[in-house]
Protein backbone atom coordinates (compact mmCIF):
# COMPACT_ATOMS: atom_id res chain seq x y z
CA MET A 1 15.72 10.68 -5.61
CA PRO A 2 18.05 7.88 -6.88
CA LEU A 3 16.94 5.60 -4.00
CA ARG A 4 13.26 6.36 -4.71
CA LEU A 5 13.73 5.57 -8.40
CA ALA A 6 15.49 2.29 -7.55
CA ASN A 7 12.71 1.35 -5.11
CA ASP A 8 10.03 2.24 -7.64
CA LEU A 9 11.60 0.22 -10.44
CA THR A 10 12.36 -2.76 -8.16
CA PHE A 11 9.23 -2.95 -5.98
CA ARG A 12 6.51 -0.37 -6.62
CA CYS A 13 6.24 -0.59 -10.41
CA PRO A 14 6.06 -4.42 -10.53
CA SER A 15 3.37 -4.42 -7.83
CA LEU A 16 1.40 -1.82 -9.75
CA HIS A 17 1.78 -3.90 -12.92
CA VAL A 18 0.42 -6.99 -11.13
CA ALA A 19 -2.49 -4.95 -9.70
CA ALA A 20 -3.33 -3.61 -13.18
CA GLU A 21 -3.14 -7.06 -14.79
CA ARG A 22 -5.29 -8.60 -12.07
CA THR A 23 -7.83 -5.80 -12.51
CA ARG A 24 -7.85 -6.31 -16.32
CA SER A 25 -8.60 -9.99 -15.81
CA GLY A 26 -11.59 -9.17 -13.58
CA GLY A 27 -10.02 -9.68 -10.18
CA ARG A 28 -10.82 -7.50 -7.19
CA THR A 29 -7.54 -5.88 -6.25
CA TRP A 30 -6.41 -3.52 -3.51
CA HIS A 31 -2.99 -1.83 -3.64
CA TYR A 32 -1.13 0.13 -1.00
CA GLN A 33 1.99 2.13 -0.40
CA PHE A 34 3.51 2.14 3.07
CA ASP A 35 5.28 5.37 4.00
CA LEU A 36 5.80 5.21 7.78
CA SER A 37 9.23 5.13 9.33
CA GLY A 38 10.09 2.24 11.57
CA ALA A 39 11.29 2.26 15.14
CA GLU A 40 13.98 4.78 15.98
CA GLY A 41 13.39 6.65 12.73
CA LYS A 42 14.62 3.80 10.53
CA PRO A 43 13.84 4.35 6.83
CA VAL A 44 10.92 2.59 5.18
CA THR A 45 12.11 -0.60 3.53
CA HIS A 46 10.56 -3.63 1.88
CA GLY A 47 8.55 -5.34 4.59
CA SER A 48 8.49 -2.37 7.01
CA GLU A 49 4.73 -2.67 7.31
CA ILE A 50 4.92 -6.11 8.94
CA ALA A 51 5.78 -4.64 12.36
CA TYR A 52 2.63 -2.50 12.13
CA VAL A 53 0.50 -5.45 11.09
CA LEU A 54 1.75 -7.47 14.05
CA GLY A 55 1.29 -4.56 16.46
CA GLN A 56 5.00 -4.19 17.19
CA GLU A 57 5.05 -0.45 16.51
CA GLY A 58 2.53 0.50 19.17
CA GLU A 59 -0.38 0.53 16.74
CA ASP A 60 -3.82 1.00 18.30
CA ASP A 61 -7.28 2.08 17.16
CA THR A 62 -6.15 5.73 16.85
CA SER A 63 -2.95 4.91 14.97
CA PRO A 64 -2.37 6.54 11.58
CA ALA A 65 -1.83 3.07 10.08
CA PRO A 66 -4.58 0.61 11.08
CA LEU A 67 -2.90 -2.11 9.05
CA ALA A 68 -3.77 -5.00 11.34
CA ALA A 69 -7.49 -4.27 11.06
CA TYR A 70 -7.31 -4.08 7.25
CA TRP A 71 -5.39 -7.35 7.04
CA VAL A 72 -7.71 -9.17 9.45
CA ASN A 73 -10.74 -7.94 7.49
CA PHE A 74 -9.20 -9.13 4.24
CA ALA A 75 -8.39 -12.56 5.66
CA ALA A 76 -11.89 -12.93 7.09
CA THR A 77 -13.98 -11.49 4.25
CA GLY A 78 -11.82 -11.04 1.16
CA ASP A 79 -12.19 -7.23 1.51
CA PRO A 80 -9.89 -5.07 3.72
CA ASN A 81 -12.61 -2.51 4.46
CA GLY A 82 -14.54 -2.51 7.70
CA PRO A 83 -16.31 -0.36 10.28
CA GLY A 84 -14.32 2.63 11.50
CA LEU A 85 -11.63 2.39 8.83
CA PRO A 86 -10.98 4.89 6.05
CA GLN A 87 -12.24 3.44 2.75
CA TRP A 88 -9.63 1.43 0.85
CA PRO A 89 -10.69 1.67 -2.79
CA LEU A 90 -10.42 -1.09 -5.35
CA PHE A 91 -7.40 -0.49 -7.58
CA GLY A 92 -9.58 -0.40 -10.71
CA ARG A 93 -8.81 1.25 -14.02
CA GLU A 94 -8.10 4.49 -12.17
CA ALA A 95 -5.06 2.86 -10.49
CA ARG A 96 -6.16 3.79 -6.97
CA SER A 97 -4.01 2.92 -3.99
CA LEU A 98 -4.17 3.53 -0.26
CA GLU A 99 -1.07 5.26 1.01
CA PHE A 100 -0.23 4.81 4.70
CA THR A 101 1.38 8.03 5.98
CA PRO A 102 2.12 9.54 9.40
CA ALA A 103 -1.07 11.62 8.96
CA GLY A 104 -3.12 8.48 8.34
CA PRO A 105 -4.28 6.47 5.32
CA ARG A 106 -5.14 8.46 2.21
CA GLN A 107 -6.34 7.49 -1.24
CA VAL A 108 -3.98 8.25 -4.14
CA THR A 109 -4.37 7.71 -7.88
CA GLY A 110 -1.67 6.96 -10.44
CA LEU A 111 1.02 6.22 -7.88
CA ALA A 112 4.52 6.55 -9.43
CA ALA A 113 3.05 6.55 -12.95
CA ASP A 114 5.74 8.92 -14.22
CA ARG A 115 8.58 6.71 -12.96
CA CYS A 116 6.92 3.41 -13.84
CA SER A 117 6.47 4.57 -17.41
CA LEU A 118 10.30 4.47 -17.68
CA ARG A 119 10.24 0.72 -17.12
CA ALA A 120 9.96 -1.42 -20.27
CA ALA A 121 9.24 -4.69 -18.45
CA PRO A 122 6.72 -5.44 -15.70
């Protein structure tokens, strides 16, 4: 739990703050949480998703984390969603995120809200 709290306060809460501010200013915003271990069971760390985006973790069309497809769609259209992918919701006032897990992407709402409320600064 101490490591999760440190990660939340250092990375997750600031990213959620930016997503909320961008939403408040009228921007279309998508937020995600990456929760897949790396090669050889390495823990998830800042930037762990990059290997999945670049296809270095054996990702394919049936992978639980189709990150490359989402990123390509976003670069091409400004929206990560596309055919055959689970819907990635806009962050919106509901604070929706897409969580990438071993079971596949899933929508979550209010990610880390309890821990982020402990943080006085963005």
